[in-house]
């Protein structure tokens, strides 16, 4: 897989609505392939919803041939049962990707928001507006789960662009930074 020509599938897992967004990266230029939601609220049984998530993610992989999956990590809310169900939905989406040998990376909602807007506490609407500007499309407020998924894909691109460019190095601590940059001490 060439880092300058790849397709990234982003997923915002959910048990009632699951968003997905797909981007194509070519020569460090992003383009929107598609974004949408999978509505699961008509299925009564949780197991049926999980099955549908697995099947739909496998279908998306077959149709769009992504090179990588970026998925939003569940965040802890007040309801533990909801968190468990959300974790299962995420796990099933990950399993679908792994069953097709698609590498995956998980990002926290805060990391995605920070990557897209520069503010880890940005609203879903702010993330959607920034993505709309970045990828030149009109979003629909009822599809914020789709733009959240798209945000995961774009965040993944930004994280890997930084890592692959060689311009930004990470350090294990201050001592390691000073060792590599002795003239930067104050």
Protein backbone atom coordinates (compact mmCIF):
# COMPACT_ATOMS: atom_id res chain seq x y z
CA UNK A 1 0.00 0.00 0.00
CA UNK A 2 1.46 3.32 -1.04
CA UNK A 3 1.05 6.00 1.60
CA UNK A 4 0.30 8.50 -1.18
CA UNK A 5 -2.47 6.45 -2.77
CA UNK A 6 -4.84 4.83 -0.34
CA UNK A 7 -8.46 4.56 0.67
CA UNK A 8 -9.42 4.99 4.30
CA UNK A 9 -12.71 3.79 5.75
CA UNK A 10 -13.82 5.66 8.85
CA UNK A 11 -16.48 4.30 11.17
CA UNK A 12 -18.45 5.87 14.01
CA UNK A 13 -19.90 2.78 15.69
CA UNK A 14 -23.42 2.81 17.05
CA UNK A 15 -26.16 0.37 17.89
CA UNK A 16 -29.00 2.49 16.50
CA UNK A 17 -27.11 4.41 13.81
CA UNK A 18 -23.60 3.64 12.58
CA UNK A 19 -21.85 6.22 10.46
CA UNK A 20 -19.23 5.58 7.82
CA UNK A 21 -17.12 7.81 5.65
CA UNK A 22 -14.58 6.91 3.01
CA UNK A 23 -11.78 9.10 1.69
CA UNK A 24 -9.26 8.62 -1.08
CA UNK A 25 -5.76 9.97 -0.52
CA UNK A 26 -3.73 10.50 -3.66
CA UNK A 27 -0.46 12.46 -3.62
CA UNK A 28 -1.40 13.90 -0.22
CA UNK A 29 -4.69 15.26 -1.57
CA UNK A 30 -7.91 14.16 0.09
CA UNK A 31 -11.15 13.51 -1.72
CA UNK A 32 -14.46 12.31 -0.40
CA UNK A 33 -15.57 8.96 -1.79
CA UNK A 34 -18.81 8.54 0.18
CA UNK A 35 -20.42 8.98 3.56
CA UNK A 36 -23.66 7.63 4.96
CA UNK A 37 -25.25 5.88 7.90
CA UNK A 38 -26.50 2.40 8.58
CA UNK A 39 -29.82 2.59 10.40
CA UNK A 40 -30.22 -0.23 12.86
CA UNK A 41 -33.15 1.00 14.95
CA UNK A 42 -35.69 -1.15 13.09
CA UNK A 43 -33.97 -4.31 14.30
CA UNK A 44 -35.29 -5.31 17.73
CA UNK A 45 -32.56 -7.69 18.84
CA UNK A 46 -29.07 -6.47 19.70
CA UNK A 47 -27.56 -9.59 18.10
CA UNK A 48 -29.35 -8.80 14.83
CA UNK A 49 -27.90 -5.28 14.89
CA UNK A 50 -24.41 -6.65 15.42
CA UNK A 51 -24.87 -9.08 12.54
CA UNK A 52 -26.03 -6.23 10.27
CA UNK A 53 -22.98 -4.12 11.26
CA UNK A 54 -20.63 -6.99 10.42
CA UNK A 55 -22.33 -7.70 7.09
CA UNK A 56 -22.47 -4.04 6.04
CA UNK A 57 -18.82 -3.38 6.91
CA UNK A 58 -17.82 -6.45 4.88
CA UNK A 59 -19.95 -5.12 1.99
CA UNK A 60 -18.29 -1.69 2.22
CA UNK A 61 -14.87 -3.32 2.15
CA UNK A 62 -15.85 -5.38 -0.89
CA UNK A 63 -17.24 -2.35 -2.71
CA UNK A 64 -14.67 0.35 -1.89
CA UNK A 65 -11.54 -1.74 -1.22
CA UNK A 66 -10.17 0.37 1.66
CA UNK A 67 -6.54 -0.01 2.64
CA UNK A 68 -7.15 0.94 6.27
CA UNK A 69 -9.89 1.35 8.85
CA UNK A 70 -10.07 4.23 11.31
CA UNK A 71 -12.67 3.79 14.02
CA UNK A 72 -13.89 6.03 16.79
CA UNK A 73 -13.41 4.58 20.26
CA UNK A 74 -16.44 4.41 22.50
CA UNK A 75 -16.43 6.97 25.27
CA UNK A 76 -17.68 6.33 28.76
CA UNK A 77 -21.04 7.91 29.44
CA UNK A 78 -23.39 7.57 32.37
CA UNK A 79 -25.01 4.34 31.22
CA UNK A 80 -22.76 1.29 31.51
CA UNK A 81 -25.13 -0.90 29.48
CA UNK A 82 -25.03 1.56 26.58
CA UNK A 83 -21.24 1.59 26.76
CA UNK A 84 -21.14 -2.21 26.59
CA UNK A 85 -23.45 -2.29 23.57
CA UNK A 86 -21.42 0.40 21.84
CA UNK A 87 -18.22 -1.55 22.54
CA UNK A 88 -19.76 -4.63 20.97
CA UNK A 89 -20.75 -2.63 17.88
CA UNK A 90 -17.21 -1.32 17.60
CA UNK A 91 -15.76 -4.81 18.09
CA UNK A 92 -17.93 -6.29 15.36
CA UNK A 93 -16.92 -3.54 12.90
CA UNK A 94 -13.26 -4.15 13.76
CA UNK A 95 -13.71 -7.91 13.37
CA UNK A 96 -15.26 -7.39 9.93
CA UNK A 97 -12.25 -5.35 8.83
CA UNK A 98 -9.74 -7.77 10.32
CA UNK A 99 -11.52 -10.70 8.65
CA UNK A 100 -10.63 -9.02 5.34
CA UNK A 101 -7.04 -8.24 6.45
CA UNK A 102 -7.70 -4.50 6.72
CA UNK A 103 -5.47 -2.92 9.38
CA UNK A 104 -7.33 -0.77 11.87
CA UNK A 105 -6.56 2.13 14.18
CA UNK A 106 -8.77 3.42 16.97
CA UNK A 107 -9.04 7.11 17.85
CA UNK A 108 -10.72 8.75 20.80
CA UNK A 109 -13.47 11.27 20.03
CA UNK A 110 -11.27 13.99 21.57
CA UNK A 111 -8.32 13.06 19.31
CA UNK A 112 -10.54 13.17 16.21
CA UNK A 113 -12.02 16.54 17.16
CA UNK A 114 -8.56 17.96 17.92
CA UNK A 115 -7.19 16.66 14.63
CA UNK A 116 -10.05 18.12 12.56
CA UNK A 117 -10.82 21.39 14.35
CA UNK A 118 -7.88 22.04 16.66
CA UNK A 119 -10.30 21.82 19.61
CA UNK A 120 -10.76 18.51 21.43
CA UNK A 121 -14.09 19.75 22.79
CA UNK A 122 -15.57 20.80 19.44
CA UNK A 123 -19.20 19.98 18.74
CA UNK A 124 -20.31 17.47 16.12
CA UNK A 125 -21.55 20.41 14.07
CA UNK A 126 -18.14 22.12 14.19
CA UNK A 127 -16.42 18.92 13.06
CA UNK A 128 -18.94 18.55 10.22
CA UNK A 129 -18.44 22.16 9.12
CA UNK A 130 -14.65 21.80 9.07
CA UNK A 131 -14.87 18.57 7.07
CA UNK A 132 -17.32 20.22 4.68
CA UNK A 133 -14.77 22.96 4.04
CA UNK A 134 -11.81 20.58 3.82
CA UNK A 135 -13.45 18.09 1.44
CA UNK A 136 -15.75 20.49 -0.42
CA UNK A 137 -19.16 18.91 0.18
CA UNK A 138 -22.45 19.87 1.82
CA UNK A 139 -23.31 17.91 4.94
CA UNK A 140 -26.76 17.17 6.25
CA UNK A 141 -27.29 17.68 9.98
CA UNK A 142 -29.20 14.41 10.25
CA UNK A 143 -26.03 12.57 9.20
CA UNK A 144 -23.69 13.73 11.96
CA UNK A 145 -22.82 10.09 12.62
CA UNK A 146 -21.54 9.95 9.03
CA UNK A 147 -19.43 13.10 9.43
CA UNK A 148 -18.08 11.74 12.73
CA UNK A 149 -16.97 8.63 10.82
CA UNK A 150 -15.48 10.80 8.10
CA UNK A 151 -13.64 12.66 10.85
CA UNK A 152 -12.07 9.39 11.99
CA UNK A 153 -10.81 8.72 8.45
CA UNK A 154 -9.41 12.24 8.03
CA UNK A 155 -7.84 12.12 11.50
CA UNK A 156 -6.13 8.87 10.50
CA UNK A 157 -4.78 10.52 7.37
CA UNK A 158 -3.46 13.50 9.37
CA UNK A 159 -1.83 11.24 11.96
CA UNK A 160 -0.09 9.13 9.33
CA UNK A 161 0.87 12.12 7.21
CA UNK A 162 2.71 13.58 10.18
CA UNK A 163 4.32 10.25 11.01
CA UNK A 164 5.40 9.54 7.44
CA UNK A 165 6.64 13.03 6.58
CA UNK A 166 9.64 12.75 8.85
CA UNK A 167 9.11 16.33 10.00
CA UNK A 168 7.73 15.50 13.41
CA UNK A 169 9.51 13.20 15.80
CA UNK A 170 8.07 11.95 19.04
CA UNK A 171 10.09 11.70 22.21
CA UNK A 172 9.70 9.53 25.27
CA UNK A 173 10.28 12.51 27.53
CA UNK A 174 12.06 15.81 28.06
CA UNK A 175 15.47 14.14 28.50
CA UNK A 176 15.21 12.42 25.12
CA UNK A 177 14.21 15.71 23.46
CA UNK A 178 17.18 17.57 25.02
CA UNK A 179 19.57 14.79 23.99
CA UNK A 180 18.51 15.22 20.33
CA UNK A 181 18.26 19.03 20.56
CA UNK A 182 21.01 20.24 22.91
CA UNK A 183 20.95 23.81 21.57
CA UNK A 184 17.24 24.20 22.36
CA UNK A 185 17.77 24.25 26.14
CA UNK A 186 16.80 27.48 27.84
